[in-house]
Amino acid sequence: MFAIVRTGGKQYRVAAGDKIVVEKLEGEAGSSISLTDILLAGEGSDLQSVEGLTVSAEIVAQAKADKVIVFKKRRRHNYRRKNGHRQNHTILKITAIGAQEEKKKPAKAKKADAAPAPAEAPAAEA
């Protein structure tokens, strides 16, 4: 099964077991996150409804991309500026694609009637 998810203003085609590099997301390495902005889902050429569908992923690492050099120059004006930039990104491993699991509240233990109600005494006839 595959899904098209949107995160960080970009779209990614993912399947279970894939690793993708996305814009920085909050979280520590090893923690799980859920991607809920799903645009399309299906298996092969069959498409499925995306209502309530989520993609579960695990954060593999928080890293930085390669350095990009920004060089500005204006001819004949003795103007040169050199700057570097490294974008932060997150490496995700897709663990599952499936329906959103509703969190069930733990069932409260109902107290059984341990002590039976006192029996009413028969009314004395006078």
Protein backbone atom coordinates (compact mmCIF):
# COMPACT_ATOMS: atom_id res chain seq x y z
CA MET A 1 0.00 0.00 0.00
CA PHE A 2 1.22 3.50 -0.77
CA ALA A 3 0.18 7.00 0.22
CA ILE A 4 0.95 10.54 -0.88
CA VAL A 5 1.61 12.72 2.18
CA ARG A 6 2.27 16.44 2.44
CA THR A 7 4.72 17.83 4.98
CA GLY A 8 6.90 20.91 4.92
CA GLY A 9 5.20 22.19 1.76
CA LYS A 10 6.31 19.16 -0.26
CA GLN A 11 4.61 15.93 -1.25
CA TYR A 12 6.11 12.46 -0.80
CA ARG A 13 5.03 9.04 -2.08
CA VAL A 14 5.58 6.59 0.78
CA ALA A 15 5.07 2.92 1.54
CA ALA A 16 5.74 0.89 4.66
CA GLY A 17 9.49 0.51 5.24
CA ASP A 18 10.52 3.58 3.17
CA LYS A 19 12.97 6.17 4.46
CA ILE A 20 12.39 9.79 3.47
CA VAL A 21 14.11 13.09 4.20
CA VAL A 22 11.68 15.90 5.07
CA GLU A 23 11.87 19.43 6.41
CA LYS A 24 12.62 19.61 10.12
CA LEU A 25 9.94 18.13 12.38
CA GLU A 26 9.86 18.35 16.17
CA GLY A 27 10.88 15.22 18.06
CA GLU A 28 13.82 13.16 19.21
CA ALA A 29 15.44 10.30 17.34
CA GLY A 30 13.54 7.10 18.05
CA SER A 31 10.19 8.74 18.74
CA SER A 32 7.08 8.05 16.68
CA ILE A 33 5.02 10.63 14.82
CA SER A 34 1.86 10.51 12.78
CA LEU A 35 1.45 12.22 9.41
CA THR A 36 -2.22 13.10 8.94
CA ASP A 37 -2.17 15.28 5.81
CA ILE A 38 -2.74 12.49 3.28
CA LEU A 39 -3.66 13.42 -0.27
CA LEU A 40 -4.00 10.01 -1.93
CA ALA A 41 -3.78 6.36 -0.94
CA GLY A 42 -4.08 3.07 -2.72
CA GLU A 43 -2.63 -0.27 -3.64
CA GLY A 44 -1.40 -0.81 -7.19
CA SER A 45 -3.82 1.06 -9.45
CA ASP A 46 -6.73 0.88 -6.97
CA LEU A 47 -7.33 4.04 -4.94
CA GLN A 48 -8.80 4.15 -1.45
CA SER A 49 -10.55 6.76 0.62
CA VAL A 50 -8.25 8.88 2.78
CA GLU A 51 -10.89 9.62 5.45
CA GLY A 52 -9.34 8.94 8.85
CA LEU A 53 -6.17 7.52 7.30
CA THR A 54 -2.79 8.18 8.95
CA VAL A 55 0.80 7.35 8.20
CA SER A 56 2.91 6.29 11.17
CA ALA A 57 6.60 7.08 11.05
CA GLU A 58 9.62 6.82 13.31
CA ILE A 59 12.24 9.56 13.49
CA VAL A 60 15.59 8.02 12.54
CA ALA A 61 17.71 11.17 12.93
CA GLN A 62 17.72 14.95 13.00
CA ALA A 63 20.42 16.12 10.59
CA LYS A 64 21.64 18.94 8.39
CA ALA A 65 21.86 18.99 4.62
CA ASP A 66 25.02 19.69 2.65
CA LYS A 67 26.24 23.27 2.63
CA VAL A 68 24.93 25.52 -0.12
CA ILE A 69 27.18 28.44 -1.06
CA VAL A 70 25.44 31.75 -1.80
CA PHE A 71 27.80 34.04 -3.73
CA LYS A 72 26.77 37.53 -4.81
CA LYS A 73 28.86 39.71 -7.09
CA ARG A 74 28.34 42.99 -8.91
CA ARG A 75 30.77 43.58 -11.71
CA ARG A 76 33.05 46.60 -11.58
CA HIS A 77 31.78 47.70 -8.16
CA ASN A 78 34.16 45.71 -5.94
CA TYR A 79 31.14 43.98 -4.40
CA ARG A 80 31.45 40.33 -3.39
CA ARG A 81 29.54 38.50 -0.66
CA LYS A 82 29.97 34.84 0.19
CA ASN A 83 27.55 33.11 2.50
CA GLY A 84 26.81 29.48 3.35
CA HIS A 85 23.63 27.75 4.43
CA ARG A 86 22.85 24.30 5.84
CA GLN A 87 19.18 23.36 6.00
CA ASN A 88 17.92 21.28 8.95
CA HIS A 89 16.00 18.14 8.02
CA THR A 90 14.52 15.02 9.60
CA ILE A 91 14.98 11.47 8.38
CA LEU A 92 11.82 9.40 8.77
CA LYS A 93 11.20 5.68 8.45
CA ILE A 94 7.61 4.86 7.54
CA THR A 95 6.34 2.11 9.84
CA ALA A 96 2.71 1.70 8.81
CA ILE A 97 -0.05 3.09 6.66
CA GLY A 98 -3.48 2.50 8.08
CA ALA A 99 -6.62 3.80 9.71
CA GLN A 100 -6.32 6.10 12.66
CA GLU A 101 -6.63 4.12 15.85
CA GLU A 102 -9.06 5.63 18.30
CA LYS A 103 -7.64 5.81 21.78
CA LYS A 104 -9.90 3.80 24.04
CA LYS A 105 -10.41 5.00 27.57
CA PRO A 106 -9.46 2.39 30.14
CA ALA A 107 -12.55 0.70 31.46
CA LYS A 108 -13.24 1.65 35.03
CA ALA A 109 -13.72 -1.31 37.31
CA LYS A 110 -17.30 -1.31 38.43
CA LYS A 111 -17.74 -2.10 42.07
CA ALA A 112 -19.78 -5.22 42.45
CA ASP A 113 -22.45 -5.10 45.09
CA ALA A 114 -20.24 -6.69 47.71
CA ALA A 115 -22.57 -5.93 50.57
CA PRO A 116 -26.18 -6.88 49.80
CA ALA A 117 -28.78 -4.32 50.67
CA PRO A 118 -30.34 -4.96 54.10
CA ALA A 119 -33.53 -6.92 53.79
CA GLU A 120 -36.62 -5.12 54.97
CA ALA A 121 -38.14 -6.59 58.09
CA PRO A 122 -41.75 -7.71 57.64
CA ALA A 123 -44.19 -5.29 59.15
CA ALA A 124 -45.47 -6.49 62.53
CA GLU A 125 -49.20 -6.93 62.68
CA ALA A 126 -50.77 -5.31 65.70
